[in-house]
Amino acid sequence: MAQEKSKTGGGKASRFTRRLEGGAGVSPPAEAETPEAQKLQRVAEPVSPPEKTVRVTVDLPRSEHRFLRVFAAQSDADGMRVMRAALRALAENEDYASYVQESLLTEAE
């Protein structure tokens, strides 16, 4: 009897298969068009594996190290997250990158 159900397309597994294939007259729920549902769909998209990391050692004066630790603690982060955010800002913000370049030039003088 169970074999007959699977041959005729009955049962939960076959309904699930038809839904995945878009058949059986199943229409998507109306809430799939709301912004919240769209955000959830984007979040559910496959994410590429994280890029391989490279360890970097930076020697800092005590005062700068203390500043980094205090800033990170106030931001509820660790020092590496702060440094990564600063590097992203350099890459994404031309004004900030120019400011840092000017600072480097004046530091060298």
C-alpha atoms as a PDB file:
ATOM      1  CA  MET A   1       0.000   0.000   0.000  1.00  0.00           C
ATOM      2  CA  ALA A   2       2.830   2.388   0.839  1.00  0.00           C
ATOM      3  CA  GLN A   3       4.382   1.635  -2.540  1.00  0.00           C
ATOM      4  CA  GLU A   4       1.164   2.640  -4.274  1.00  0.00           C
ATOM      5  CA  LYS A   5       1.206   6.054  -2.567  1.00  0.00           C
ATOM      6  CA  SER A   6       4.740   6.794  -3.712  1.00  0.00           C
ATOM      7  CA  LYS A   7       3.918   5.636  -7.261  1.00  0.00           C
ATOM      8  CA  THR A   8       0.845   7.835  -7.477  1.00  0.00           C
ATOM      9  CA  GLY A   9       2.535  10.876  -5.988  1.00  0.00           C
ATOM     10  CA  GLY A  10       0.810  10.862  -2.620  1.00  0.00           C
ATOM     11  CA  GLY A  11       2.360  11.410   0.783  1.00  0.00           C
ATOM     12  CA  LYS A  12       4.391  14.169   2.402  1.00  0.00           C
ATOM     13  CA  ALA A  13       7.629  13.491   0.557  1.00  0.00           C
ATOM     14  CA  SER A  14       6.083  13.845  -2.869  1.00  0.00           C
ATOM     15  CA  ARG A  15       4.179  17.017  -1.908  1.00  0.00           C
ATOM     16  CA  PHE A  16       7.459  18.452  -0.648  1.00  0.00           C
ATOM     17  CA  THR A  17       9.149  17.474  -3.913  1.00  0.00           C
ATOM     18  CA  ARG A  18       6.389  19.108  -5.965  1.00  0.00           C
ATOM     19  CA  ARG A  19       6.702  22.291  -3.894  1.00  0.00           C
ATOM     20  CA  LEU A  20      10.464  22.382  -4.469  1.00  0.00           C
ATOM     21  CA  GLU A  21       9.918  21.913  -8.177  1.00  0.00           C
ATOM     22  CA  GLY A  22       7.264  24.632  -8.160  1.00  0.00           C
ATOM     23  CA  GLY A  23       4.427  22.302  -9.129  1.00  0.00           C
ATOM     24  CA  ALA A  24       1.131  21.191  -7.620  1.00  0.00           C
ATOM     25  CA  GLY A  25      -0.384  24.660  -7.918  1.00  0.00           C
ATOM     26  CA  VAL A  26       1.379  25.877  -4.785  1.00  0.00           C
ATOM     27  CA  SER A  27       1.767  29.634  -4.871  1.00  0.00           C
ATOM     28  CA  PRO A  28       4.371  31.452  -2.772  1.00  0.00           C
ATOM     29  CA  PRO A  29       3.046  33.134   0.355  1.00  0.00           C
ATOM     30  CA  ALA A  30       2.076  36.800   0.016  1.00  0.00           C
ATOM     31  CA  GLU A  31       4.500  37.893   2.741  1.00  0.00           C
ATOM     32  CA  ALA A  32       7.438  36.884   0.513  1.00  0.00           C
ATOM     33  CA  GLU A  33       7.128  40.304  -1.110  1.00  0.00           C
ATOM     34  CA  THR A  34       7.482  42.337   2.109  1.00  0.00           C
ATOM     35  CA  PRO A  35      10.826  44.055   2.770  1.00  0.00           C
ATOM     36  CA  GLU A  36      11.345  41.909   5.871  1.00  0.00           C
ATOM     37  CA  ALA A  37      10.868  38.729   3.858  1.00  0.00           C
ATOM     38  CA  GLN A  38      13.242  40.027   1.166  1.00  0.00           C
ATOM     39  CA  LYS A  39      15.895  40.655   3.836  1.00  0.00           C
ATOM     40  CA  LEU A  40      15.447  37.129   5.135  1.00  0.00           C
ATOM     41  CA  GLN A  41      15.812  35.759   1.618  1.00  0.00           C
ATOM     42  CA  ARG A  42      19.077  37.671   1.142  1.00  0.00           C
ATOM     43  CA  VAL A  43      20.393  36.402   4.459  1.00  0.00           C
ATOM     44  CA  ALA A  44      19.547  32.836   3.440  1.00  0.00           C
ATOM     45  CA  GLU A  45      21.615  33.101   0.245  1.00  0.00           C
ATOM     46  CA  PRO A  46      24.803  31.045   0.255  1.00  0.00           C
ATOM     47  CA  VAL A  47      27.793  32.872   1.670  1.00  0.00           C
ATOM     48  CA  SER A  48      31.246  32.404   0.220  1.00  0.00           C
ATOM     49  CA  PRO A  49      33.809  30.954   2.611  1.00  0.00           C
ATOM     50  CA  PRO A  50      35.809  33.544   4.538  1.00  0.00           C
ATOM     51  CA  GLU A  51      39.034  34.695   2.959  1.00  0.00           C
ATOM     52  CA  LYS A  52      42.189  33.094   4.325  1.00  0.00           C
ATOM     53  CA  THR A  53      43.842  35.317   6.910  1.00  0.00           C
ATOM     54  CA  VAL A  54      47.448  36.401   7.323  1.00  0.00           C
ATOM     55  CA  ARG A  55      48.892  37.251  10.724  1.00  0.00           C
ATOM     56  CA  VAL A  56      50.353  40.750  11.044  1.00  0.00           C
ATOM     57  CA  THR A  57      52.397  41.999  13.971  1.00  0.00           C
ATOM     58  CA  VAL A  58      52.407  45.718  14.698  1.00  0.00           C
ATOM     59  CA  ASP A  59      54.600  47.358  17.325  1.00  0.00           C
ATOM     60  CA  LEU A  60      52.755  50.207  19.042  1.00  0.00           C
ATOM     61  CA  PRO A  61      53.826  52.694  21.667  1.00  0.00           C
ATOM     62  CA  ARG A  62      52.124  51.967  25.005  1.00  0.00           C
ATOM     63  CA  SER A  63      49.854  54.996  24.682  1.00  0.00           C
ATOM     64  CA  GLU A  64      48.535  53.881  21.265  1.00  0.00           C
ATOM     65  CA  HIS A  65      48.082  50.306  22.491  1.00  0.00           C
ATOM     66  CA  ARG A  66      46.137  51.586  25.500  1.00  0.00           C
ATOM     67  CA  PHE A  67      44.006  53.778  23.221  1.00  0.00           C
ATOM     68  CA  LEU A  68      43.247  50.787  20.975  1.00  0.00           C
ATOM     69  CA  ARG A  69      42.247  48.614  23.933  1.00  0.00           C
ATOM     70  CA  VAL A  70      40.035  51.319  25.498  1.00  0.00           C
ATOM     71  CA  PHE A  71      38.422  52.174  22.153  1.00  0.00           C
ATOM     72  CA  ALA A  72      37.751  48.492  21.449  1.00  0.00           C
ATOM     73  CA  ALA A  73      36.249  47.959  24.920  1.00  0.00           C
ATOM     74  CA  GLN A  74      33.994  51.010  24.528  1.00  0.00           C
ATOM     75  CA  SER A  75      32.911  49.664  21.136  1.00  0.00           C
ATOM     76  CA  ASP A  76      32.221  46.200  22.577  1.00  0.00           C
ATOM     77  CA  ALA A  77      34.827  44.750  20.202  1.00  0.00           C
ATOM     78  CA  ASP A  78      38.379  43.516  20.268  1.00  0.00           C
ATOM     79  CA  GLY A  79      41.447  45.247  18.864  1.00  0.00           C
ATOM     80  CA  MET A  80      41.504  43.182  15.672  1.00  0.00           C
ATOM     81  CA  ARG A  81      37.906  44.113  14.823  1.00  0.00           C
ATOM     82  CA  VAL A  82      38.818  47.784  15.294  1.00  0.00           C
ATOM     83  CA  MET A  83      41.879  47.421  13.070  1.00  0.00           C
ATOM     84  CA  ARG A  84      39.886  45.586  10.377  1.00  0.00           C
ATOM     85  CA  ALA A  85      37.213  48.311  10.472  1.00  0.00           C
ATOM     86  CA  ALA A  86      39.923  50.976  10.117  1.00  0.00           C
ATOM     87  CA  LEU A  87      41.397  49.153   7.109  1.00  0.00           C
ATOM     88  CA  ARG A  88      37.946  48.843   5.506  1.00  0.00           C
ATOM     89  CA  ALA A  89      37.439  52.578   6.060  1.00  0.00           C
ATOM     90  CA  LEU A  90      40.758  53.266   4.307  1.00  0.00           C
ATOM     91  CA  ALA A  91      39.683  51.142   1.352  1.00  0.00           C
ATOM     92  CA  GLU A  92      36.126  52.493   1.098  1.00  0.00           C
ATOM     93  CA  ASN A  93      36.425  56.166   2.080  1.00  0.00           C
ATOM     94  CA  GLU A  94      38.582  58.335  -0.193  1.00  0.00           C
ATOM     95  CA  ASP A  95      38.479  61.317   2.193  1.00  0.00           C
ATOM     96  CA  TYR A  96      39.712  59.199   5.090  1.00  0.00           C
ATOM     97  CA  ALA A  97      42.410  57.630   2.905  1.00  0.00           C
ATOM     98  CA  SER A  98      43.592  61.110   1.829  1.00  0.00           C
ATOM     99  CA  TYR A  99      43.652  62.237   5.456  1.00  0.00           C
ATOM    100  CA  VAL A 100      45.810  59.253   6.427  1.00  0.00           C
ATOM    101  CA  GLN A 101      48.157  59.827   3.468  1.00  0.00           C
ATOM    102  CA  GLU A 102      48.576  63.502   4.432  1.00  0.00           C
ATOM    103  CA  SER A 103      49.206  62.467   8.024  1.00  0.00           C
ATOM    104  CA  LEU A 104      51.917  60.069   6.844  1.00  0.00           C
ATOM    105  CA  LEU A 105      53.584  62.812   4.797  1.00  0.00           C
ATOM    106  CA  THR A 106      53.653  65.270   7.675  1.00  0.00           C
ATOM    107  CA  GLU A 107      54.862  62.556  10.049  1.00  0.00           C
ATOM    108  CA  ALA A 108      57.860  61.894   7.800  1.00  0.00           C
ATOM    109  CA  GLU A 109      58.941  65.571   7.904  1.00  0.00           C
END
